[in-house]
């Protein structure tokens, strides 16, 4: 589209409208700390002829998405912590054998084989830990999420049970 076209000939797809409005809101809010009140969001929606019910549904969907984003961040942090633990175990294990090889043989010979043999699983672990997309990642996330949901449910049931016993 060129800038000299009349306003009546301009038309945009829904995605274009969303992107344009998002950029406009970002430019208007100079500061990242600027927040909009719910009333302001209602006013914006009213100007765009968006019903309050649609806005409430969109807000609910947004909250669900934000919860999923937080769960994925927690899962990614868990995977990184798990990898760091395995890497430190690998370093301690192989450091011991290298030190033992240095003390007994005066050099590094047979401990290199152990280092290389143990390095393969660590390399695969690096690949699996930092691969943040794909079917395997989704399956690992779903498995982790189910575990946490089960833990949360058990914790809730036990807390209610203990409260009932105390009463």
N, C-alpha and C. Protein backbone atom coordinates (compact mmCIF):
# COMPACT_ATOMS: atom_id res chain seq x y z
N UNK A 1 0.84 -1.17 0.00
CA UNK A 1 0.00 0.00 0.00
C UNK A 1 0.89 1.23 0.00
N UNK A 2 0.53 2.22 -0.77
CA UNK A 2 1.30 3.46 -0.80
C UNK A 2 0.61 4.50 0.05
N UNK A 3 1.36 5.53 0.42
CA UNK A 3 0.83 6.53 1.34
C UNK A 3 -0.15 7.48 0.68
N UNK A 4 -0.20 7.54 -0.65
CA UNK A 4 -1.08 8.50 -1.31
C UNK A 4 -2.43 7.92 -1.68
N UNK A 5 -2.73 6.69 -1.29
CA UNK A 5 -4.05 6.12 -1.58
C UNK A 5 -5.10 6.78 -0.69
N UNK A 6 -6.29 6.96 -1.21
CA UNK A 6 -7.35 7.54 -0.38
C UNK A 6 -7.69 6.60 0.77
N UNK A 7 -8.16 7.17 1.87
CA UNK A 7 -8.49 6.38 3.05
C UNK A 7 -9.56 5.33 2.77
N UNK A 8 -10.47 5.60 1.87
CA UNK A 8 -11.56 4.68 1.60
C UNK A 8 -11.08 3.40 0.91
N UNK A 9 -9.92 3.42 0.26
CA UNK A 9 -9.42 2.23 -0.43
C UNK A 9 -8.57 1.33 0.47
N UNK A 10 -8.23 1.81 1.63
CA UNK A 10 -7.40 1.02 2.54
C UNK A 10 -8.24 -0.09 3.17
N UNK A 11 -7.66 -1.27 3.24
CA UNK A 11 -8.31 -2.38 3.95
C UNK A 11 -7.21 -3.25 4.53
N UNK A 12 -7.53 -3.85 5.68
CA UNK A 12 -6.53 -4.62 6.40
C UNK A 12 -7.13 -5.93 6.87
N UNK A 13 -6.29 -6.94 6.95
CA UNK A 13 -6.73 -8.22 7.51
C UNK A 13 -6.78 -8.09 9.03
N UNK A 14 -7.37 -9.08 9.67
CA UNK A 14 -7.48 -9.05 11.12
C UNK A 14 -6.10 -9.06 11.76
N UNK A 15 -5.18 -9.86 11.21
CA UNK A 15 -3.82 -9.89 11.75
C UNK A 15 -3.14 -8.54 11.60
N UNK A 16 -3.35 -7.89 10.46
CA UNK A 16 -2.77 -6.56 10.25
C UNK A 16 -3.30 -5.57 11.26
N UNK A 17 -4.61 -5.61 11.51
CA UNK A 17 -5.23 -4.70 12.47
C UNK A 17 -4.63 -4.93 13.86
N UNK A 18 -4.48 -6.19 14.26
CA UNK A 18 -3.92 -6.50 15.56
C UNK A 18 -2.49 -5.97 15.69
N UNK A 19 -1.70 -6.16 14.65
CA UNK A 19 -0.32 -5.70 14.69
C UNK A 19 -0.23 -4.18 14.73
N UNK A 20 -1.05 -3.52 13.94
CA UNK A 20 -1.03 -2.05 13.90
C UNK A 20 -1.45 -1.50 15.26
N UNK A 21 -2.52 -2.04 15.82
CA UNK A 21 -2.98 -1.56 17.12
C UNK A 21 -1.97 -1.86 18.23
N UNK A 22 -1.35 -3.01 18.14
CA UNK A 22 -0.34 -3.35 19.15
C UNK A 22 0.83 -2.37 19.08
N UNK A 23 1.27 -2.04 17.88
CA UNK A 23 2.35 -1.06 17.73
C UNK A 23 1.93 0.32 18.21
N UNK A 24 0.68 0.70 17.92
CA UNK A 24 0.20 2.02 18.34
C UNK A 24 0.13 2.11 19.86
N UNK A 25 -0.36 1.07 20.50
CA UNK A 25 -0.44 1.06 21.96
C UNK A 25 0.96 1.09 22.55
N UNK A 26 1.88 0.34 21.95
CA UNK A 26 3.25 0.33 22.45
C UNK A 26 3.91 1.69 22.31
N UNK A 27 3.63 2.40 21.23
CA UNK A 27 4.22 3.73 21.05
C UNK A 27 3.60 4.75 22.00
N UNK A 28 2.32 4.60 22.27
CA UNK A 28 1.65 5.55 23.15
C UNK A 28 2.15 5.36 24.58
N UNK A 29 2.37 4.12 24.94
CA UNK A 29 2.87 3.83 26.29
C UNK A 29 4.40 3.88 26.21
N UNK A 30 4.95 5.07 26.41
CA UNK A 30 6.40 5.25 26.30
C UNK A 30 7.16 4.39 27.28
N UNK A 31 6.59 4.21 28.43
CA UNK A 31 7.26 3.51 29.50
C UNK A 31 6.71 2.09 29.59
N UNK A 32 7.59 1.11 29.78
CA UNK A 32 7.15 -0.29 29.92
C UNK A 32 6.33 -0.49 31.19
N UNK A 33 6.51 0.39 32.16
CA UNK A 33 5.77 0.26 33.41
C UNK A 33 4.36 0.81 33.34
N UNK A 34 4.00 1.45 32.21
CA UNK A 34 2.67 2.00 32.07
C UNK A 34 1.68 0.84 32.01
N UNK A 35 0.66 0.94 32.81
CA UNK A 35 -0.36 -0.10 32.84
C UNK A 35 -1.71 0.51 32.50
N UNK A 36 -2.57 -0.31 31.96
CA UNK A 36 -3.93 0.11 31.61
C UNK A 36 -4.88 -0.47 32.64
N UNK A 37 -5.81 0.32 33.07
CA UNK A 37 -6.82 -0.18 33.99
C UNK A 37 -7.85 -0.97 33.19
N UNK A 38 -8.64 -1.75 33.91
CA UNK A 38 -9.68 -2.52 33.23
C UNK A 38 -10.70 -1.59 32.58
N UNK A 39 -10.96 -0.46 33.21
CA UNK A 39 -11.88 0.53 32.63
C UNK A 39 -11.35 1.06 31.31
N UNK A 40 -10.03 1.30 31.25
CA UNK A 40 -9.44 1.76 30.00
C UNK A 40 -9.56 0.70 28.90
N UNK A 41 -9.35 -0.54 29.29
CA UNK A 41 -9.50 -1.63 28.31
C UNK A 41 -10.95 -1.70 27.84
N UNK A 42 -11.89 -1.52 28.76
CA UNK A 42 -13.32 -1.52 28.37
C UNK A 42 -13.61 -0.37 27.40
N UNK A 43 -13.03 0.81 27.65
CA UNK A 43 -13.23 1.95 26.75
C UNK A 43 -12.67 1.66 25.36
N UNK A 44 -11.47 1.09 25.32
CA UNK A 44 -10.86 0.76 24.02
C UNK A 44 -11.72 -0.26 23.29
N UNK A 45 -12.19 -1.26 24.02
CA UNK A 45 -13.04 -2.27 23.40
C UNK A 45 -14.34 -1.66 22.89
N UNK A 46 -14.92 -0.75 23.66
CA UNK A 46 -16.16 -0.10 23.24
C UNK A 46 -15.94 0.71 21.96
N UNK A 47 -14.80 1.40 21.88
CA UNK A 47 -14.51 2.18 20.67
C UNK A 47 -14.32 1.27 19.46
N UNK A 48 -13.82 0.07 19.69
CA UNK A 48 -13.64 -0.88 18.60
C UNK A 48 -14.88 -1.75 18.38
N UNK A 49 -15.95 -1.43 19.09
CA UNK A 49 -17.22 -2.16 19.02
C UNK A 49 -17.06 -3.64 19.39
N UNK A 50 -16.27 -3.87 20.43
CA UNK A 50 -16.09 -5.21 20.97
C UNK A 50 -16.97 -5.30 22.22
N UNK A 51 -17.80 -6.31 22.26
CA UNK A 51 -18.74 -6.43 23.38
C UNK A 51 -18.00 -6.77 24.67
N UNK A 52 -18.55 -6.36 25.81
CA UNK A 52 -17.92 -6.70 27.10
C UNK A 52 -17.79 -8.20 27.32
N UNK A 53 -18.77 -8.97 26.81
CA UNK A 53 -18.68 -10.42 26.94
C UNK A 53 -17.49 -10.98 26.16
N UNK A 54 -17.30 -10.47 24.94
CA UNK A 54 -16.15 -10.91 24.14
C UNK A 54 -14.85 -10.52 24.82
N UNK A 55 -14.84 -9.35 25.42
CA UNK A 55 -13.64 -8.90 26.13
C UNK A 55 -13.36 -9.80 27.33
N UNK A 56 -14.40 -10.18 28.08
CA UNK A 56 -14.21 -11.07 29.23
C UNK A 56 -13.69 -12.44 28.78
N UNK A 57 -14.25 -12.96 27.68
CA UNK A 57 -13.77 -14.24 27.17
C UNK A 57 -12.32 -14.15 26.71
N UNK A 58 -11.98 -13.04 26.05
CA UNK A 58 -10.61 -12.84 25.60
C UNK A 58 -9.66 -12.73 26.79
N UNK A 59 -10.10 -12.03 27.83
CA UNK A 59 -9.26 -11.89 29.02
C UNK A 59 -9.06 -13.25 29.69
N UNK A 60 -10.11 -14.04 29.75
CA UNK A 60 -10.00 -15.38 30.34
C UNK A 60 -9.03 -16.25 29.53
N UNK A 61 -9.16 -16.19 28.19
CA UNK A 61 -8.24 -16.94 27.33
C UNK A 61 -6.80 -16.47 27.52
N UNK A 62 -6.64 -15.15 27.66
CA UNK A 62 -5.31 -14.58 27.87
C UNK A 62 -4.71 -15.08 29.19
N UNK A 63 -5.54 -15.13 30.24
CA UNK A 63 -5.07 -15.61 31.53
C UNK A 63 -4.64 -17.07 31.45
N UNK A 64 -5.40 -17.88 30.71
CA UNK A 64 -5.04 -19.28 30.51
C UNK A 64 -3.70 -19.37 29.78
N UNK A 65 -3.53 -18.57 28.74
CA UNK A 65 -2.28 -18.56 27.98
C UNK A 65 -1.11 -18.14 28.87
N UNK A 66 -1.33 -17.13 29.71
CA UNK A 66 -0.27 -16.68 30.61
C UNK A 66 0.10 -17.78 31.60
N UNK A 67 -0.90 -18.52 32.06
CA UNK A 67 -0.62 -19.65 32.95
C UNK A 67 0.21 -20.71 32.26
N UNK A 68 -0.11 -20.99 31.00
CA UNK A 68 0.65 -21.96 30.23
C UNK A 68 2.08 -21.48 30.00
N UNK A 69 2.24 -20.20 29.73
CA UNK A 69 3.58 -19.64 29.54
C UNK A 69 4.39 -19.80 30.83
N UNK A 70 3.77 -19.52 31.97
CA UNK A 70 4.46 -19.67 33.25
C UNK A 70 4.83 -21.13 33.52
N UNK A 71 3.93 -22.05 33.16
CA UNK A 71 4.22 -23.48 33.34
C UNK A 71 5.40 -23.89 32.48
N UNK A 72 5.44 -23.41 31.25
CA UNK A 72 6.55 -23.75 30.35
C UNK A 72 7.86 -23.16 30.86
N UNK A 73 7.81 -21.95 31.40
CA UNK A 73 9.03 -21.36 31.98
C UNK A 73 9.51 -22.19 33.16
N UNK A 74 8.58 -22.63 34.00
CA UNK A 74 8.95 -23.46 35.15
C UNK A 74 9.54 -24.79 34.67
N UNK A 75 8.96 -25.37 33.63
CA UNK A 75 9.46 -26.62 33.08
C UNK A 75 10.86 -26.44 32.50
N UNK A 76 11.06 -25.35 31.77
CA UNK A 76 12.38 -25.08 31.19
C UNK A 76 13.42 -24.89 32.29
N UNK A 77 13.05 -24.17 33.36
CA UNK A 77 13.97 -23.97 34.49
C UNK A 77 14.28 -25.31 35.17
N UNK A 78 13.27 -26.17 35.29
CA UNK A 78 13.47 -27.49 35.87
C UNK A 78 14.46 -28.30 35.02
N UNK A 79 14.28 -28.26 33.70
CA UNK A 79 15.18 -29.01 32.81
C UNK A 79 16.61 -28.49 32.91
N UNK A 80 16.78 -27.19 33.02
CA UNK A 80 18.13 -26.63 33.11
C UNK A 80 18.78 -27.00 34.45
N UNK A 81 18.00 -26.93 35.54
CA UNK A 81 18.53 -27.35 36.85
C UNK A 81 18.94 -28.81 36.83
N UNK A 82 18.10 -29.65 36.21
CA UNK A 82 18.40 -31.08 36.12
C UNK A 82 19.67 -31.30 35.31
N UNK A 83 19.83 -30.56 34.22
CA UNK A 83 21.03 -30.68 33.40
C UNK A 83 22.27 -30.22 34.18
N UNK A 84 22.16 -29.11 34.90
CA UNK A 84 23.30 -28.62 35.67
C UNK A 84 23.73 -29.63 36.72
N UNK A 85 22.76 -30.30 37.32
CA UNK A 85 23.09 -31.33 38.32
C UNK A 85 23.82 -32.49 37.65
N UNK A 86 23.33 -32.93 36.51
CA UNK A 86 23.98 -34.03 35.80
C UNK A 86 25.38 -33.64 35.33
N UNK A 87 25.53 -32.41 34.87
CA UNK A 87 26.83 -31.94 34.41
C UNK A 87 27.82 -31.87 35.56
N UNK A 88 27.37 -31.42 36.72
CA UNK A 88 28.28 -31.38 37.87
C UNK A 88 28.64 -32.79 38.32
N UNK A 89 27.70 -33.73 38.27
CA UNK A 89 28.01 -35.13 38.60
C UNK A 89 29.04 -35.69 37.62
N UNK A 90 28.87 -35.38 36.33
CA UNK A 90 29.81 -35.80 35.31
C UNK A 90 31.20 -35.24 35.58
N UNK A 91 31.27 -33.95 35.93
CA UNK A 91 32.56 -33.30 36.20
C UNK A 91 33.23 -33.92 37.42
N UNK A 92 32.48 -34.18 38.47
CA UNK A 92 33.05 -34.78 39.68
C UNK A 92 33.54 -36.20 39.39
N UNK A 93 32.70 -36.98 38.74
CA UNK A 93 33.04 -38.37 38.41
C UNK A 93 34.30 -38.44 37.56
N UNK A 94 34.34 -37.66 36.49
CA UNK A 94 35.49 -37.70 35.59
C UNK A 94 36.71 -37.01 36.19
N UNK A 95 36.48 -35.99 36.99
CA UNK A 95 37.60 -35.35 37.68
C UNK A 95 38.30 -36.34 38.60
N UNK A 96 37.52 -37.16 39.29
CA UNK A 96 38.10 -38.19 40.15
C UNK A 96 38.98 -39.14 39.35
N UNK A 97 38.48 -39.63 38.22
CA UNK A 97 39.26 -40.58 37.42
C UNK A 97 40.49 -39.93 36.78
N UNK A 98 40.38 -38.70 36.36
CA UNK A 98 41.54 -38.02 35.79
C UNK A 98 42.59 -37.82 36.89
N UNK A 99 42.16 -37.40 38.07
CA UNK A 99 43.09 -37.23 39.18
C UNK A 99 43.74 -38.56 39.56
N UNK A 100 42.94 -39.61 39.61
CA UNK A 100 43.47 -40.95 39.91
C UNK A 100 44.48 -41.36 38.85
N UNK A 101 44.19 -41.11 37.59
CA UNK A 101 45.10 -41.44 36.49
C UNK A 101 46.39 -40.63 36.59
N UNK A 102 46.28 -39.36 36.96
CA UNK A 102 47.47 -38.52 37.11
C UNK A 102 48.36 -39.00 38.27
N UNK A 103 47.71 -39.39 39.35
CA UNK A 103 48.47 -39.83 40.53
C UNK A 103 49.15 -41.17 40.28
N UNK A 104 48.43 -42.11 39.66
CA UNK A 104 48.98 -43.45 39.48
C UNK A 104 49.89 -43.58 38.27
N UNK A 105 49.60 -42.85 37.21
CA UNK A 105 50.37 -43.06 35.98
C UNK A 105 51.19 -41.86 35.55
N UNK A 106 51.04 -40.76 36.19
CA UNK A 106 51.81 -39.58 35.83
C UNK A 106 51.30 -38.88 34.58
N UNK A 107 50.20 -39.29 34.05
CA UNK A 107 49.63 -38.64 32.86
C UNK A 107 48.17 -38.99 32.74
N UNK A 108 47.60 -38.56 31.64
CA UNK A 108 46.19 -38.87 31.39
C UNK A 108 46.14 -39.86 30.23
N UNK A 109 45.77 -41.09 30.53
CA UNK A 109 45.71 -42.09 29.46
C UNK A 109 44.36 -42.79 29.46
N UNK A 110 44.18 -43.74 30.35
CA UNK A 110 42.95 -44.52 30.37
C UNK A 110 41.75 -43.70 30.81
N UNK A 111 41.96 -42.62 31.56
CA UNK A 111 40.82 -41.81 32.03
C UNK A 111 40.15 -41.06 30.88
N UNK A 112 40.88 -40.85 29.79
CA UNK A 112 40.26 -40.21 28.62
C UNK A 112 39.15 -41.07 28.02
N UNK A 113 39.33 -42.39 28.08
CA UNK A 113 38.29 -43.28 27.56
C UNK A 113 37.01 -43.16 28.39
N UNK A 114 37.19 -43.08 29.69
CA UNK A 114 36.03 -42.90 30.58
C UNK A 114 35.38 -41.55 30.31
N UNK A 115 36.22 -40.51 30.16
CA UNK A 115 35.73 -39.17 29.87
C UNK A 115 34.90 -39.15 28.59
N UNK A 116 35.41 -39.76 27.54
CA UNK A 116 34.68 -39.80 26.27
C UNK A 116 33.43 -40.67 26.35
N UNK A 117 33.54 -41.81 27.01
CA UNK A 117 32.39 -42.71 27.13
C UNK A 117 31.25 -42.05 27.90
N UNK A 118 31.60 -41.35 28.98
CA UNK A 118 30.58 -40.66 29.78
C UNK A 118 30.12 -39.36 29.13
N UNK A 119 30.92 -38.82 28.25
CA UNK A 119 30.58 -37.56 27.58
C UNK A 119 29.44 -37.70 26.59
N UNK A 120 29.27 -38.88 26.02
CA UNK A 120 28.19 -39.09 25.05
C UNK A 120 26.82 -38.87 25.66
N UNK A 121 26.51 -39.47 26.81
CA UNK A 121 25.20 -39.18 27.42
C UNK A 121 25.04 -37.71 27.80
N UNK A 122 26.13 -37.07 28.21
CA UNK A 122 26.04 -35.66 28.56
C UNK A 122 25.73 -34.83 27.31
N UNK A 123 26.36 -35.17 26.20
CA UNK A 123 26.07 -34.48 24.94
C UNK A 123 24.62 -34.66 24.51
N UNK A 124 24.10 -35.86 24.66
CA UNK A 124 22.69 -36.11 24.35
C UNK A 124 21.78 -35.34 25.30
N UNK A 125 22.20 -35.24 26.56
CA UNK A 125 21.43 -34.49 27.54
C UNK A 125 21.41 -33.01 27.19
N UNK A 126 22.52 -32.48 26.70
CA UNK A 126 22.56 -31.09 26.24
C UNK A 126 21.54 -30.89 25.13
N UNK A 127 21.54 -31.80 24.19
CA UNK A 127 20.62 -31.71 23.05
C UNK A 127 19.17 -31.72 23.54
N UNK A 128 18.85 -32.64 24.41
CA UNK A 128 17.47 -32.77 24.90
C UNK A 128 17.06 -31.61 25.79
N UNK A 129 17.98 -31.09 26.57
CA UNK A 129 17.65 -30.01 27.50
C UNK A 129 17.38 -28.71 26.77
N UNK A 130 18.20 -28.39 25.80
CA UNK A 130 18.09 -27.09 25.17
C UNK A 130 17.28 -27.10 23.87
N UNK A 131 16.69 -28.23 23.54
CA UNK A 131 15.75 -28.30 22.41
C UNK A 131 14.39 -27.92 22.96
N UNK A 132 13.94 -26.72 22.63
CA UNK A 132 12.73 -26.17 23.24
C UNK A 132 11.50 -26.28 22.35
N UNK A 133 11.60 -26.99 21.25
CA UNK A 133 10.45 -27.17 20.37
C UNK A 133 10.42 -28.61 19.88
N UNK A 134 9.30 -28.98 19.35
CA UNK A 134 9.18 -30.31 18.77
C UNK A 134 8.32 -31.24 19.59
N UNK A 135 8.11 -32.40 19.02
CA UNK A 135 7.21 -33.38 19.63
C UNK A 135 7.78 -33.94 20.93
N UNK A 136 9.09 -34.19 20.96
CA UNK A 136 9.70 -34.73 22.17
C UNK A 136 9.59 -33.73 23.32
N UNK A 137 9.80 -32.46 23.01
CA UNK A 137 9.67 -31.42 24.04
C UNK A 137 8.24 -31.40 24.58
N UNK A 138 7.27 -31.45 23.68
CA UNK A 138 5.86 -31.43 24.09
C UNK A 138 5.52 -32.64 24.96
N UNK A 139 6.03 -33.80 24.57
CA UNK A 139 5.76 -35.01 25.36
C UNK A 139 6.39 -34.90 26.74
N UNK A 140 7.62 -34.39 26.81
CA UNK A 140 8.29 -34.22 28.10
C UNK A 140 7.54 -33.19 28.95
N UNK A 141 7.08 -32.12 28.32
CA UNK A 141 6.33 -31.09 29.06
C UNK A 141 5.03 -31.67 29.59
N UNK A 142 4.29 -32.42 28.78
CA UNK A 142 3.02 -33.01 29.21
C UNK A 142 3.24 -33.98 30.37
N UNK A 143 4.30 -34.76 30.29
CA UNK A 143 4.60 -35.72 31.36
C UNK A 143 4.92 -34.96 32.65
N UNK A 144 5.75 -33.92 32.56
CA UNK A 144 6.11 -33.11 33.72
C UNK A 144 4.87 -32.42 34.28
N UNK A 145 4.02 -31.91 33.40
CA UNK A 145 2.81 -31.21 33.83
C UNK A 145 1.85 -32.15 34.56
N UNK A 146 1.68 -33.36 34.03
CA UNK A 146 0.82 -34.34 34.70
C UNK A 146 1.34 -34.66 36.10
N UNK A 147 2.66 -34.84 36.21
CA UNK A 147 3.26 -35.12 37.51
C UNK A 147 2.96 -34.00 38.50
N UNK A 148 3.10 -32.77 38.06
CA UNK A 148 2.86 -31.64 38.95
C UNK A 148 1.38 -31.49 39.29
N UNK A 149 0.51 -31.78 38.36
CA UNK A 149 -0.92 -31.73 38.65
C UNK A 149 -1.29 -32.80 39.67
N UNK A 150 -0.72 -33.98 39.54
CA UNK A 150 -0.99 -35.06 40.49
C UNK A 150 -0.47 -34.67 41.87
N UNK A 151 0.75 -34.11 41.93
CA UNK A 151 1.31 -33.67 43.21
C UNK A 151 0.44 -32.60 43.85
N UNK A 152 -0.05 -31.68 43.02
CA UNK A 152 -0.89 -30.60 43.53
C UNK A 152 -2.20 -31.16 44.08
N UNK A 153 -2.79 -32.11 43.37
CA UNK A 153 -4.04 -32.73 43.80
C UNK A 153 -3.85 -33.48 45.11
N UNK A 154 -2.78 -34.27 45.19
CA UNK A 154 -2.50 -35.03 46.42
C UNK A 154 -2.27 -34.08 47.58
N UNK A 155 -1.52 -33.02 47.33
CA UNK A 155 -1.25 -32.04 48.38
C UNK A 155 -2.54 -31.39 48.87
N UNK A 156 -3.42 -31.05 47.95
CA UNK A 156 -4.70 -30.43 48.32
C UNK A 156 -5.55 -31.39 49.14
N UNK A 157 -5.61 -32.64 48.71
CA UNK A 157 -6.41 -33.64 49.43
C UNK A 157 -5.84 -33.85 50.83
N UNK A 158 -4.51 -33.97 50.93
CA UNK A 158 -3.90 -34.18 52.25
C UNK A 158 -4.11 -32.98 53.16
N UNK A 159 -3.99 -31.77 52.60
CA UNK A 159 -4.22 -30.58 53.41
C UNK A 159 -5.65 -30.54 53.94
N UNK A 160 -6.63 -30.87 53.11
CA UNK A 160 -8.02 -30.90 53.55
C UNK A 160 -8.23 -31.98 54.60
N UNK A 161 -7.58 -33.10 54.40
CA UNK A 161 -7.71 -34.20 55.34
C UNK A 161 -7.12 -33.83 56.70
N UNK A 162 -5.92 -33.21 56.70
CA UNK A 162 -5.30 -32.78 57.95
C UNK A 162 -6.13 -31.70 58.65
N UNK A 163 -6.70 -30.79 57.88
CA UNK A 163 -7.55 -29.75 58.47
C UNK A 163 -8.80 -30.36 59.10
N UNK A 164 -9.33 -31.39 58.44
CA UNK A 164 -10.52 -32.06 58.97
C UNK A 164 -10.17 -32.80 60.28
N UNK A 165 -8.98 -33.37 60.36
CA UNK A 165 -8.56 -34.06 61.57
C UNK A 165 -8.31 -33.09 62.73
N UNK A 166 -7.83 -31.90 62.41
CA UNK A 166 -7.55 -30.90 63.44
C UNK A 166 -8.82 -30.26 63.98
N UNK A 167 -9.87 -30.26 63.17
CA UNK A 167 -11.11 -29.59 63.58
C UNK A 167 -11.90 -30.41 64.55
